[in-house]
Amino acid sequence: MKYLFACILFFLGACQNNYHIYQYDNGDDYVQDGMVRIIEPSTQKMGYATPDGKVVIKPEFAFGYPFKNGVAKVTYEGHQAEVSASDNEYHYWKSEHWFYIDKKGNQVKK
C-alpha cells in the first residue's frame, strides 16, 4: 500500500514536469535510497526524483542505475545490448564512460 501511495504522489508530480517513472521489471521503478529513476519521453534521457515526484536530477543521462549508499552509476552515452541466448528478452547497458553521481547530480569518486 505504501508503494502504491508513493507511485500516485509521484505520478501527480511527474505529470507537471512531463516525466515518467522508468519502467523496470515489468512495472514502475522501485524506490531505492529515497530516489526513483525517471524518463523524459521525447529524449528518453534518465534522471532521478523523490517518491513524491520532486525532480532532484533532471533527465540528462543515457542510462543510470538506482542510487545505493548515496551514489548512482550513470553515463551520458551508450547503447542497449542483448544478453546472449536470451531470445531478445534480456538486455544490458553498454558504455565506455560510466561515472558516479551524488544525490545533487555532482560527479563523485567511488
Protein backbone atom coordinates (compact mmCIF):
# COMPACT_ATOMS: atom_id res chain seq x y z
CA MET A 1 0.00 0.00 0.00
CA LYS A 2 2.83 2.39 0.88
CA TYR A 3 4.41 1.77 -2.56
CA LEU A 4 1.09 2.42 -4.35
CA PHE A 5 0.62 5.69 -2.47
CA ALA A 6 4.17 6.79 -3.38
CA CYS A 7 3.51 5.98 -7.06
CA ILE A 8 0.29 8.01 -7.05
CA LEU A 9 2.05 11.00 -5.49
CA PHE A 10 4.89 10.68 -7.97
CA PHE A 11 2.51 10.43 -10.90
CA LEU A 12 0.80 13.66 -9.89
CA GLY A 13 4.13 15.50 -9.55
CA ALA A 14 5.76 13.97 -12.62
CA CYS A 15 2.85 14.86 -14.89
CA GLN A 16 3.54 18.53 -14.24
CA ASN A 17 7.13 18.00 -15.49
CA ASN A 18 6.27 15.64 -18.38
CA TYR A 19 8.45 12.88 -16.90
CA HIS A 20 7.54 9.24 -16.44
CA ILE A 21 8.76 6.70 -13.92
CA TYR A 22 11.34 4.44 -15.54
CA GLN A 23 9.84 1.03 -16.33
CA TYR A 24 11.81 -1.82 -14.78
CA ASP A 25 10.99 -5.48 -14.30
CA ASN A 26 7.54 -5.10 -15.95
CA GLY A 27 6.49 -2.18 -13.79
CA ASP A 28 7.44 1.15 -12.27
CA ASP A 29 10.99 1.50 -10.96
CA TYR A 30 11.48 0.70 -7.30
CA VAL A 31 12.25 3.43 -4.77
CA GLN A 32 15.86 2.85 -3.72
CA ASP A 33 17.86 5.02 -1.35
CA GLY A 34 14.98 7.53 -1.39
CA MET A 35 15.04 8.03 -5.16
CA VAL A 36 13.27 6.71 -8.24
CA ARG A 37 14.52 6.86 -11.82
CA ILE A 38 12.55 8.98 -14.28
CA ILE A 39 12.49 9.29 -18.07
CA GLU A 40 11.87 12.29 -20.31
CA PRO A 41 9.66 10.74 -23.02
CA SER A 42 10.81 12.82 -26.00
CA THR A 43 14.56 12.29 -25.42
CA GLN A 44 14.48 9.02 -23.45
CA LYS A 45 17.03 10.60 -21.07
CA MET A 46 17.08 9.40 -17.47
CA GLY A 47 17.09 11.40 -14.25
CA TYR A 48 16.07 11.00 -10.61
CA ALA A 49 13.21 12.13 -8.39
CA THR A 50 11.87 11.61 -4.89
CA PRO A 51 8.91 9.24 -4.47
CA ASP A 52 6.55 12.24 -4.16
CA GLY A 53 7.53 13.49 -7.63
CA LYS A 54 10.08 16.19 -6.81
CA VAL A 55 12.68 16.12 -9.58
CA VAL A 56 16.11 16.14 -7.97
CA ILE A 57 18.28 15.47 -11.03
CA LYS A 58 16.72 16.39 -14.37
CA PRO A 59 16.87 13.73 -17.09
CA GLU A 60 20.19 14.06 -18.88
CA PHE A 61 21.72 10.57 -18.79
CA ALA A 62 21.53 7.83 -21.39
CA PHE A 63 21.43 5.23 -18.61
CA GLY A 64 21.56 5.26 -14.84
CA TYR A 65 21.46 2.66 -12.11
CA PRO A 66 19.48 3.15 -8.90
CA PHE A 67 21.03 5.06 -6.02
CA LYS A 68 22.79 2.96 -3.42
CA ASN A 69 24.55 4.41 -0.37
CA GLY A 70 24.10 7.93 -1.74
CA VAL A 71 25.57 7.39 -5.23
CA ALA A 72 24.37 6.18 -8.63
CA LYS A 73 26.33 4.91 -11.63
CA VAL A 74 25.39 6.85 -14.80
CA THR A 75 26.54 7.57 -18.35
CA TYR A 76 25.79 10.17 -21.00
CA GLU A 77 26.26 7.72 -23.87
CA GLY A 78 25.93 4.06 -24.67
CA HIS A 79 23.54 1.50 -26.06
CA GLN A 80 21.42 -1.43 -25.02
CA ALA A 81 22.79 -4.86 -25.90
CA GLU A 82 21.06 -8.23 -25.82
CA VAL A 83 22.14 -10.86 -23.31
CA SER A 84 23.38 -13.83 -25.32
CA ALA A 85 20.89 -16.66 -25.86
CA SER A 86 18.02 -14.74 -24.23
CA ASP A 87 15.84 -14.64 -27.37
CA ASN A 88 15.82 -10.83 -27.11
CA GLU A 89 14.18 -10.98 -23.67
CA TYR A 90 17.08 -9.66 -21.57
CA HIS A 91 19.30 -6.65 -22.21
CA TYR A 92 22.07 -4.73 -20.51
CA TRP A 93 23.53 -1.25 -20.86
CA LYS A 94 26.89 -0.91 -22.51
CA SER A 95 29.04 2.24 -22.25
CA GLU A 96 32.72 3.09 -22.11
CA HIS A 97 32.14 6.16 -19.93
CA TRP A 98 30.39 5.29 -16.66
CA PHE A 99 30.81 7.55 -13.62
CA TYR A 100 29.13 8.09 -10.25
CA ILE A 101 26.97 10.98 -9.08
CA ASP A 102 25.70 12.03 -5.68
CA LYS A 103 22.09 12.95 -4.91
CA LYS A 104 22.68 16.50 -6.15
CA GLY A 105 23.94 15.30 -9.54
CA ASN A 106 27.59 16.09 -8.81
CA GLN A 107 30.18 13.69 -10.19
CA VAL A 108 31.97 11.88 -7.36
CA LYS A 109 34.73 9.31 -6.98
CA LYS A 110 33.76 5.94 -5.65
